[in-house]
Amino acid sequence: MKIVNILGIFVFLVASMFNSACTIKSARETPVVRVVREYAPTVVNIRTENIIDLREHPEWGQYGEELDLFFKEYFGEIYSEGTLKYKSLGSGVILGKNGLVVTNAHVIQKASSIYVVLNDGTILRAKVIRMSQSDDLAIIKTDLPSLVKEVKIADIKNLMIGETVIAIGNPLGLENSVTVGVVSGKDRAFSSPECEYVCSGLVQTDASINPGNSGGALLNLDGELVGVNVAVVQGAQNIGFAIPAGKIVKLLGEFK
């Protein structure tokens, strides 16, 4: 009997060890990987078009022919028959099932057409719902073809200096690029040439932010939206800023 009992215990221990080994996750499966996997689809690419009709200018009637030749040579394919078509890229974050997307005001202001490009490449038209130029924030709306996981908004009062944050955006048009850093400071002020005013109350981070990241998400390790990336200090290393989540909540409140 004793031999049978010992054998049974041995088999049980081996089975337990085997099951434990099977359930151990790879060290590569970090909190950052899990947040990106779960919330990257909430970050979208925003494309805009701004059409300027030069023929509306008073001097076009007098110098139109000469200007037409000059602009064709100077601007190339973005110019056509008296009109200039500017295109720009930025990022945005889907806030919920109703198709509301937050981005920077400077990404979409003066745009003739706004397009939201989802994680799977789907292109959707969008329109401006609310804008705050003083905070460089805008809420746009589109019709989502399917449900997207709703991002939670962080309580900015609980933000900790030194905690890990993840920036997701579309720098230089490279969709859903991920960079990681820490919260370097809170309540910062920064004068951005894109904003044309001083942005204040910003979150500072050393996560790499580049042109095209504007409007993208800055997330904590709980997958909560800490803020919307807005700018990087040119000529400096790893000094970037995000508009804090509290300002997004305020703008949403005004919309409702």
C-alpha atoms as a PDB file:
ATOM      1  CA  MET A   1       0.000   0.000   0.000  1.00  0.00           C
ATOM      2  CA  LYS A   2       2.800   2.393   0.910  1.00  0.00           C
ATOM      3  CA  ILE A   3       4.478   1.842  -2.459  1.00  0.00           C
ATOM      4  CA  VAL A   4       1.161   2.513  -4.253  1.00  0.00           C
ATOM      5  CA  ASN A   5       0.602   5.724  -2.248  1.00  0.00           C
ATOM      6  CA  ILE A   6       4.133   6.968  -2.917  1.00  0.00           C
ATOM      7  CA  LEU A   7       3.736   6.213  -6.629  1.00  0.00           C
ATOM      8  CA  GLY A   8       0.419   8.069  -6.688  1.00  0.00           C
ATOM      9  CA  ILE A   9       1.942  11.112  -5.006  1.00  0.00           C
ATOM     10  CA  PHE A  10       4.875  11.040  -7.452  1.00  0.00           C
ATOM     11  CA  VAL A  11       2.545  10.907 -10.460  1.00  0.00           C
ATOM     12  CA  PHE A  12       0.486  13.767  -9.021  1.00  0.00           C
ATOM     13  CA  LEU A  13       3.570  15.955  -8.487  1.00  0.00           C
ATOM     14  CA  VAL A  14       4.900  15.287 -11.986  1.00  0.00           C
ATOM     15  CA  ALA A  15       1.498  16.097 -13.517  1.00  0.00           C
ATOM     16  CA  SER A  16       1.276  19.298 -11.475  1.00  0.00           C
ATOM     17  CA  MET A  17       4.735  20.385 -12.568  1.00  0.00           C
ATOM     18  CA  PHE A  18       3.886  19.651 -16.205  1.00  0.00           C
ATOM     19  CA  ASN A  19       0.650  21.661 -16.025  1.00  0.00           C
ATOM     20  CA  SER A  20       2.444  24.577 -14.356  1.00  0.00           C
ATOM     21  CA  ALA A  21       5.103  24.557 -17.067  1.00  0.00           C
ATOM     22  CA  CYS A  22       2.401  24.672 -19.737  1.00  0.00           C
ATOM     23  CA  THR A  23       0.664  27.672 -18.136  1.00  0.00           C
ATOM     24  CA  ILE A  24       3.809  29.773 -17.617  1.00  0.00           C
ATOM     25  CA  LYS A  25       3.732  32.678 -20.093  1.00  0.00           C
ATOM     26  CA  SER A  26       6.758  33.710 -22.094  1.00  0.00           C
ATOM     27  CA  ALA A  27       8.877  36.509 -20.623  1.00  0.00           C
ATOM     28  CA  ARG A  28       8.291  38.289 -23.926  1.00  0.00           C
ATOM     29  CA  GLU A  29       4.614  38.723 -23.009  1.00  0.00           C
ATOM     30  CA  THR A  30       5.185  42.013 -21.173  1.00  0.00           C
ATOM     31  CA  PRO A  31       2.497  44.462 -19.997  1.00  0.00           C
ATOM     32  CA  VAL A  32       3.440  46.684 -22.944  1.00  0.00           C
ATOM     33  CA  VAL A  33       2.799  43.851 -25.420  1.00  0.00           C
ATOM     34  CA  ARG A  34      -0.592  43.145 -23.847  1.00  0.00           C
ATOM     35  CA  VAL A  35      -1.685  46.806 -23.933  1.00  0.00           C
ATOM     36  CA  VAL A  36      -0.611  47.217 -27.559  1.00  0.00           C
ATOM     37  CA  ARG A  37      -2.389  44.016 -28.612  1.00  0.00           C
ATOM     38  CA  GLU A  38      -5.602  45.089 -26.929  1.00  0.00           C
ATOM     39  CA  TYR A  39      -5.739  48.814 -27.639  1.00  0.00           C
ATOM     40  CA  ALA A  40      -3.743  49.457 -30.836  1.00  0.00           C
ATOM     41  CA  PRO A  41      -6.961  49.081 -32.930  1.00  0.00           C
ATOM     42  CA  THR A  42      -8.395  52.163 -31.173  1.00  0.00           C
ATOM     43  CA  VAL A  43      -5.652  54.315 -32.732  1.00  0.00           C
ATOM     44  CA  VAL A  44      -6.452  55.455 -36.278  1.00  0.00           C
ATOM     45  CA  ASN A  45      -4.715  57.251 -39.102  1.00  0.00           C
ATOM     46  CA  ILE A  46      -6.283  60.591 -40.019  1.00  0.00           C
ATOM     47  CA  ARG A  47      -5.857  61.924 -43.544  1.00  0.00           C
ATOM     48  CA  THR A  48      -7.041  65.363 -44.551  1.00  0.00           C
ATOM     49  CA  GLU A  49      -7.358  67.322 -47.765  1.00  0.00           C
ATOM     50  CA  ASN A  50      -7.459  71.096 -47.985  1.00  0.00           C
ATOM     51  CA  ILE A  51      -8.377  72.607 -51.350  1.00  0.00           C
ATOM     52  CA  ILE A  52      -7.471  76.260 -51.967  1.00  0.00           C
ATOM     53  CA  ASP A  53      -9.106  77.931 -54.975  1.00  0.00           C
ATOM     54  CA  LEU A  54      -6.641  80.566 -56.188  1.00  0.00           C
ATOM     55  CA  ARG A  55      -9.139  81.780 -58.773  1.00  0.00           C
ATOM     56  CA  GLU A  56     -11.047  83.494 -55.978  1.00  0.00           C
ATOM     57  CA  HIS A  57      -8.119  85.857 -55.452  1.00  0.00           C
ATOM     58  CA  PRO A  58      -8.801  89.366 -56.912  1.00  0.00           C
ATOM     59  CA  GLU A  59      -5.604  89.370 -59.003  1.00  0.00           C
ATOM     60  CA  TRP A  60      -6.311  86.041 -60.688  1.00  0.00           C
ATOM     61  CA  GLY A  61      -8.304  87.695 -63.489  1.00  0.00           C
ATOM     62  CA  GLN A  62      -5.379  89.935 -64.438  1.00  0.00           C
ATOM     63  CA  TYR A  63      -2.452  87.525 -63.970  1.00  0.00           C
ATOM     64  CA  GLY A  64      -4.206  84.179 -64.078  1.00  0.00           C
ATOM     65  CA  GLU A  65      -2.489  82.786 -67.173  1.00  0.00           C
ATOM     66  CA  GLU A  66       1.046  83.617 -65.949  1.00  0.00           C
ATOM     67  CA  LEU A  67       0.265  82.367 -62.428  1.00  0.00           C
ATOM     68  CA  ASP A  68      -1.190  79.156 -63.851  1.00  0.00           C
ATOM     69  CA  LEU A  69       2.083  78.345 -65.653  1.00  0.00           C
ATOM     70  CA  PHE A  70       4.171  79.262 -62.609  1.00  0.00           C
ATOM     71  CA  PHE A  71       2.126  77.140 -60.156  1.00  0.00           C
ATOM     72  CA  LYS A  72       2.167  74.126 -62.494  1.00  0.00           C
ATOM     73  CA  GLU A  73       5.980  74.218 -62.496  1.00  0.00           C
ATOM     74  CA  TYR A  74       6.371  74.998 -58.787  1.00  0.00           C
ATOM     75  CA  PHE A  75       3.723  72.763 -57.163  1.00  0.00           C
ATOM     76  CA  GLY A  76       3.511  69.929 -59.674  1.00  0.00           C
ATOM     77  CA  GLU A  77       0.757  67.355 -59.123  1.00  0.00           C
ATOM     78  CA  ILE A  78      -0.815  69.102 -56.110  1.00  0.00           C
ATOM     79  CA  TYR A  79      -1.831  71.964 -58.429  1.00  0.00           C
ATOM     80  CA  SER A  80      -4.603  71.767 -61.011  1.00  0.00           C
ATOM     81  CA  GLU A  81      -6.428  74.539 -62.914  1.00  0.00           C
ATOM     82  CA  GLY A  82      -6.200  77.236 -60.293  1.00  0.00           C
ATOM     83  CA  THR A  83      -6.605  74.996 -57.250  1.00  0.00           C
ATOM     84  CA  LEU A  84      -4.061  73.704 -54.745  1.00  0.00           C
ATOM     85  CA  LYS A  85      -4.760  70.447 -52.923  1.00  0.00           C
ATOM     86  CA  TYR A  86      -2.843  69.982 -49.676  1.00  0.00           C
ATOM     87  CA  LYS A  87      -2.800  66.594 -47.959  1.00  0.00           C
ATOM     88  CA  SER A  88      -1.678  65.906 -44.414  1.00  0.00           C
ATOM     89  CA  LEU A  89      -1.407  62.962 -42.050  1.00  0.00           C
ATOM     90  CA  GLY A  90      -2.056  62.625 -38.333  1.00  0.00           C
ATOM     91  CA  SER A  91      -3.439  60.240 -35.750  1.00  0.00           C
ATOM     92  CA  GLY A  92      -6.573  59.890 -33.638  1.00  0.00           C
ATOM     93  CA  VAL A  93      -8.075  57.719 -30.912  1.00  0.00           C
ATOM     94  CA  ILE A  94     -11.522  56.089 -31.065  1.00  0.00           C
ATOM     95  CA  LEU A  95     -13.344  56.967 -27.849  1.00  0.00           C
ATOM     96  CA  GLY A  96     -16.354  54.687 -28.082  1.00  0.00           C
ATOM     97  CA  LYS A  97     -18.895  52.705 -30.055  1.00  0.00           C
ATOM     98  CA  ASN A  98     -20.609  55.893 -31.261  1.00  0.00           C
ATOM     99  CA  GLY A  99     -17.706  56.646 -33.616  1.00  0.00           C
ATOM    100  CA  LEU A 100     -16.295  59.648 -31.783  1.00  0.00           C
ATOM    101  CA  VAL A 101     -12.573  60.137 -32.396  1.00  0.00           C
ATOM    102  CA  VAL A 102     -10.281  62.567 -30.574  1.00  0.00           C
ATOM    103  CA  THR A 103      -7.337  64.194 -32.352  1.00  0.00           C
ATOM    104  CA  ASN A 104      -5.438  67.489 -32.388  1.00  0.00           C
ATOM    105  CA  ALA A 105      -7.179  70.578 -33.698  1.00  0.00           C
ATOM    106  CA  HIS A 106      -4.154  71.417 -35.865  1.00  0.00           C
ATOM    107  CA  VAL A 107      -4.501  68.034 -37.627  1.00  0.00           C
ATOM    108  CA  ILE A 108      -7.968  68.742 -39.015  1.00  0.00           C
ATOM    109  CA  GLN A 109      -8.469  72.503 -38.952  1.00  0.00           C
ATOM    110  CA  LYS A 110      -9.173  74.081 -42.354  1.00  0.00           C
ATOM    111  CA  ALA A 111      -9.516  70.619 -43.900  1.00  0.00           C
ATOM    112  CA  SER A 112     -11.952  70.325 -46.808  1.00  0.00           C
ATOM    113  CA  SER A 113     -12.205  66.546 -46.320  1.00  0.00           C
ATOM    114  CA  ILE A 114     -11.341  64.311 -43.351  1.00  0.00           C
ATOM    115  CA  TYR A 115     -10.757  60.553 -43.583  1.00  0.00           C
ATOM    116  CA  VAL A 116     -10.295  58.056 -40.760  1.00  0.00           C
ATOM    117  CA  VAL A 117      -8.237  54.970 -41.639  1.00  0.00           C
ATOM    118  CA  LEU A 118      -8.858  52.025 -39.311  1.00  0.00           C
ATOM    119  CA  ASN A 119      -6.335  49.420 -38.188  1.00  0.00           C
ATOM    120  CA  ASP A 120      -7.487  47.016 -40.931  1.00  0.00           C
ATOM    121  CA  GLY A 121      -7.122  49.640 -43.687  1.00  0.00           C
ATOM    122  CA  THR A 122     -10.817  50.614 -43.909  1.00  0.00           C
ATOM    123  CA  ILE A 123     -11.185  54.273 -44.953  1.00  0.00           C
ATOM    124  CA  LEU A 124     -14.129  56.262 -43.540  1.00  0.00           C
ATOM    125  CA  ARG A 125     -15.314  59.834 -44.009  1.00  0.00           C
ATOM    126  CA  ALA A 126     -15.514  61.947 -40.854  1.00  0.00           C
ATOM    127  CA  LYS A 127     -16.790  65.348 -39.810  1.00  0.00           C
ATOM    128  CA  VAL A 128     -15.846  67.783 -37.061  1.00  0.00           C
ATOM    129  CA  ILE A 129     -18.153  67.759 -34.040  1.00  0.00           C
ATOM    130  CA  ARG A 130     -16.286  69.889 -31.536  1.00  0.00           C
ATOM    131  CA  MET A 131     -13.003  71.805 -31.484  1.00  0.00           C
ATOM    132  CA  SER A 132     -10.944  73.608 -28.847  1.00  0.00           C
ATOM    133  CA  GLN A 133      -8.075  75.485 -30.429  1.00  0.00           C
ATOM    134  CA  SER A 134      -6.845  76.707 -27.041  1.00  0.00           C
ATOM    135  CA  ASP A 135      -6.250  73.072 -26.015  1.00  0.00           C
ATOM    136  CA  ASP A 136      -5.406  71.916 -29.571  1.00  0.00           C
ATOM    137  CA  LEU A 137      -8.115  69.241 -29.345  1.00  0.00           C
ATOM    138  CA  ALA A 138     -10.880  68.204 -31.713  1.00  0.00           C
ATOM    139  CA  ILE A 139     -13.653  65.611 -31.653  1.00  0.00           C
ATOM    140  CA  ILE A 140     -14.611  64.176 -35.027  1.00  0.00           C
ATOM    141  CA  LYS A 141     -17.268  61.578 -35.822  1.00  0.00           C
ATOM    142  CA  THR A 142     -17.426  58.688 -38.241  1.00  0.00           C
ATOM    143  CA  ASP A 143     -19.647  55.634 -38.739  1.00  0.00           C
ATOM    144  CA  LEU A 144     -17.782  52.572 -37.534  1.00  0.00           C
ATOM    145  CA  PRO A 145     -18.467  49.389 -39.565  1.00  0.00           C
ATOM    146  CA  SER A 146     -17.880  47.173 -36.516  1.00  0.00           C
ATOM    147  CA  LEU A 147     -17.353  47.397 -32.773  1.00  0.00           C
ATOM    148  CA  VAL A 148     -13.968  48.550 -31.515  1.00  0.00           C
ATOM    149  CA  LYS A 149     -12.810  48.035 -27.941  1.00  0.00           C
ATOM    150  CA  GLU A 150     -13.588  51.167 -25.961  1.00  0.00           C
ATOM    151  CA  VAL A 151     -10.548  52.866 -24.489  1.00  0.00           C
ATOM    152  CA  LYS A 152     -10.744  53.892 -20.835  1.00  0.00           C
ATOM    153  CA  ILE A 153      -9.735  57.419 -19.867  1.00  0.00           C
ATOM    154  CA  ALA A 154      -7.163  57.681 -17.078  1.00  0.00           C
ATOM    155  CA  ASP A 155      -7.625  59.803 -13.960  1.00  0.00           C
ATOM    156  CA  ILE A 156      -4.845  62.310 -14.533  1.00  0.00           C
ATOM    157  CA  LYS A 157      -4.683  63.102 -10.795  1.00  0.00           C
ATOM    158  CA  ASN A 158      -3.278  59.609 -10.227  1.00  0.00           C
ATOM    159  CA  LEU A 159      -0.563  59.990 -12.865  1.00  0.00           C
ATOM    160  CA  MET A 160       2.856  59.093 -11.438  1.00  0.00           C
ATOM    161  CA  ILE A 161       6.169  60.612 -12.496  1.00  0.00           C
ATOM    162  CA  GLY A 162       8.328  57.783 -13.787  1.00  0.00           C
ATOM    163  CA  GLU A 163       5.507  55.381 -14.656  1.00  0.00           C
ATOM    164  CA  THR A 164       5.693  53.614 -18.000  1.00  0.00           C
ATOM    165  CA  VAL A 165       3.630  55.002 -20.872  1.00  0.00           C
ATOM    166  CA  ILE A 166       3.127  53.810 -24.441  1.00  0.00           C
ATOM    167  CA  ALA A 167       2.760  56.128 -27.450  1.00  0.00           C
ATOM    168  CA  ILE A 168       0.868  54.704 -30.430  1.00  0.00           C
ATOM    169  CA  GLY A 169       0.414  56.694 -33.613  1.00  0.00           C
ATOM    170  CA  ASN A 170       1.262  57.086 -37.275  1.00  0.00           C
ATOM    171  CA  PRO A 171       4.602  58.927 -37.482  1.00  0.00           C
ATOM    172  CA  LEU A 172       5.510  59.725 -41.094  1.00  0.00           C
ATOM    173  CA  GLY A 173       2.500  57.630 -42.146  1.00  0.00           C
ATOM    174  CA  LEU A 174       3.828  54.420 -40.527  1.00  0.00           C
ATOM    175  CA  GLU A 175       0.572  53.057 -39.105  1.00  0.00           C
ATOM    176  CA  ASN A 176       0.345  51.930 -35.488  1.00  0.00           C
ATOM    177  CA  SER A 177       3.965  52.544 -34.606  1.00  0.00           C
ATOM    178  CA  VAL A 178       4.728  51.938 -30.919  1.00  0.00           C
ATOM    179  CA  THR A 179       7.249  53.712 -28.690  1.00  0.00           C
ATOM    180  CA  VAL A 180       7.691  53.331 -24.940  1.00  0.00           C
ATOM    181  CA  GLY A 181       8.898  55.745 -22.268  1.00  0.00           C
ATOM    182  CA  VAL A 182       8.021  57.197 -18.897  1.00  0.00           C
ATOM    183  CA  VAL A 183       6.097  60.189 -17.614  1.00  0.00           C
ATOM    184  CA  SER A 184       8.832  62.813 -17.329  1.00  0.00           C
ATOM    185  CA  GLY A 185       6.716  65.638 -15.936  1.00  0.00           C
ATOM    186  CA  LYS A 186       3.233  67.020 -15.401  1.00  0.00           C
ATOM    187  CA  ASP A 187       1.554  70.381 -15.966  1.00  0.00           C
ATOM    188  CA  ARG A 188       4.095  71.537 -18.525  1.00  0.00           C
ATOM    189  CA  ALA A 189       3.677  74.463 -20.931  1.00  0.00           C
ATOM    190  CA  PHE A 190       4.993  74.428 -24.481  1.00  0.00           C
ATOM    191  CA  SER A 191       4.805  76.846 -27.397  1.00  0.00           C
ATOM    192  CA  SER A 192       4.194  74.850 -30.559  1.00  0.00           C
ATOM    193  CA  PRO A 193       4.523  76.385 -34.034  1.00  0.00           C
ATOM    194  CA  GLU A 194       1.773  73.981 -35.140  1.00  0.00           C
ATOM    195  CA  CYS A 195      -0.630  75.258 -32.500  1.00  0.00           C
ATOM    196  CA  GLU A 196       0.377  78.924 -32.916  1.00  0.00           C
ATOM    197  CA  TYR A 197      -0.216  79.448 -29.207  1.00  0.00           C
ATOM    198  CA  VAL A 198       1.110  78.217 -25.880  1.00  0.00           C
ATOM    199  CA  CYS A 199      -0.258  74.817 -24.872  1.00  0.00           C
ATOM    200  CA  SER A 200      -0.390  74.371 -21.097  1.00  0.00           C
ATOM    201  CA  GLY A 201      -1.111  71.640 -18.544  1.00  0.00           C
ATOM    202  CA  LEU A 202       0.705  69.080 -20.703  1.00  0.00           C
ATOM    203  CA  VAL A 203       2.117  65.669 -19.803  1.00  0.00           C
ATOM    204  CA  GLN A 204       5.810  65.395 -20.642  1.00  0.00           C
ATOM    205  CA  THR A 205       7.200  62.041 -21.796  1.00  0.00           C
ATOM    206  CA  ASP A 206      10.424  60.656 -23.193  1.00  0.00           C
ATOM    207  CA  ALA A 207       8.534  58.225 -25.449  1.00  0.00           C
ATOM    208  CA  SER A 208       9.600  59.029 -29.006  1.00  0.00           C
ATOM    209  CA  ILE A 209       7.071  61.287 -30.794  1.00  0.00           C
ATOM    210  CA  ASN A 210       7.495  62.309 -34.428  1.00  0.00           C
ATOM    211  CA  PRO A 211       5.498  64.180 -37.119  1.00  0.00           C
ATOM    212  CA  GLY A 212       2.317  62.182 -37.729  1.00  0.00           C
ATOM    213  CA  ASN A 213       2.106  61.103 -34.073  1.00  0.00           C
ATOM    214  CA  SER A 214      -0.051  64.160 -33.384  1.00  0.00           C
ATOM    215  CA  GLY A 215      -3.444  63.036 -32.114  1.00  0.00           C
ATOM    216  CA  GLY A 216      -2.257  59.523 -31.240  1.00  0.00           C
ATOM    217  CA  ALA A 217      -2.665  57.779 -27.893  1.00  0.00           C
ATOM    218  CA  LEU A 218      -0.463  57.926 -24.816  1.00  0.00           C
ATOM    219  CA  LEU A 219      -1.506  54.915 -22.717  1.00  0.00           C
ATOM    220  CA  ASN A 220      -0.512  53.627 -19.294  1.00  0.00           C
ATOM    221  CA  LEU A 221       0.109  49.953 -18.490  1.00  0.00           C
ATOM    222  CA  ASP A 222      -3.575  49.509 -17.557  1.00  0.00           C
ATOM    223  CA  GLY A 223      -4.480  50.461 -21.132  1.00  0.00           C
ATOM    224  CA  GLU A 224      -5.975  53.776 -20.021  1.00  0.00           C
ATOM    225  CA  LEU A 225      -5.697  56.898 -22.165  1.00  0.00           C
ATOM    226  CA  VAL A 226      -3.345  59.276 -20.349  1.00  0.00           C
ATOM    227  CA  GLY A 227      -3.430  61.863 -23.115  1.00  0.00           C
ATOM    228  CA  VAL A 228      -3.214  62.706 -26.803  1.00  0.00           C
ATOM    229  CA  ASN A 229       0.272  63.235 -28.231  1.00  0.00           C
ATOM    230  CA  VAL A 230       0.771  66.733 -29.530  1.00  0.00           C
ATOM    231  CA  ALA A 231       4.389  67.783 -30.038  1.00  0.00           C
ATOM    232  CA  VAL A 232       8.066  67.120 -29.665  1.00  0.00           C
ATOM    233  CA  VAL A 233      10.754  69.710 -28.967  1.00  0.00           C
ATOM    234  CA  GLN A 234      12.813  70.034 -32.145  1.00  0.00           C
ATOM    235  CA  GLY A 235      16.533  69.777 -31.543  1.00  0.00           C
ATOM    236  CA  ALA A 236      16.054  68.119 -28.136  1.00  0.00           C
ATOM    237  CA  GLN A 237      16.242  64.432 -27.346  1.00  0.00           C
ATOM    238  CA  ASN A 238      13.221  62.537 -26.020  1.00  0.00           C
ATOM    239  CA  ILE A 239      11.164  65.536 -24.901  1.00  0.00           C
ATOM    240  CA  GLY A 240       7.593  65.050 -26.052  1.00  0.00           C
ATOM    241  CA  PHE A 241       4.218  66.274 -24.844  1.00  0.00           C
ATOM    242  CA  ALA A 242       0.641  65.021 -24.659  1.00  0.00           C
ATOM    243  CA  ILE A 243      -2.602  66.848 -23.928  1.00  0.00           C
ATOM    244  CA  PRO A 244      -3.908  65.303 -20.678  1.00  0.00           C
ATOM    245  CA  ALA A 245      -7.020  63.136 -20.582  1.00  0.00           C
ATOM    246  CA  GLY A 246      -8.839  65.612 -18.337  1.00  0.00           C
ATOM    247  CA  LYS A 247      -9.082  68.093 -21.200  1.00  0.00           C
ATOM    248  CA  ILE A 248     -10.551  65.393 -23.435  1.00  0.00           C
ATOM    249  CA  VAL A 249     -13.212  64.662 -20.800  1.00  0.00           C
ATOM    250  CA  LYS A 250     -14.007  68.371 -20.586  1.00  0.00           C
ATOM    251  CA  LEU A 251     -14.438  68.660 -24.366  1.00  0.00           C
ATOM    252  CA  LEU A 252     -16.648  65.544 -24.443  1.00  0.00           C
ATOM    253  CA  GLY A 253     -18.761  67.066 -21.669  1.00  0.00           C
ATOM    254  CA  GLU A 254     -19.304  70.198 -23.759  1.00  0.00           C
ATOM    255  CA  PHE A 255     -20.348  68.027 -26.718  1.00  0.00           C
ATOM    256  CA  LYS A 256     -22.926  66.101 -24.661  1.00  0.00           C
END
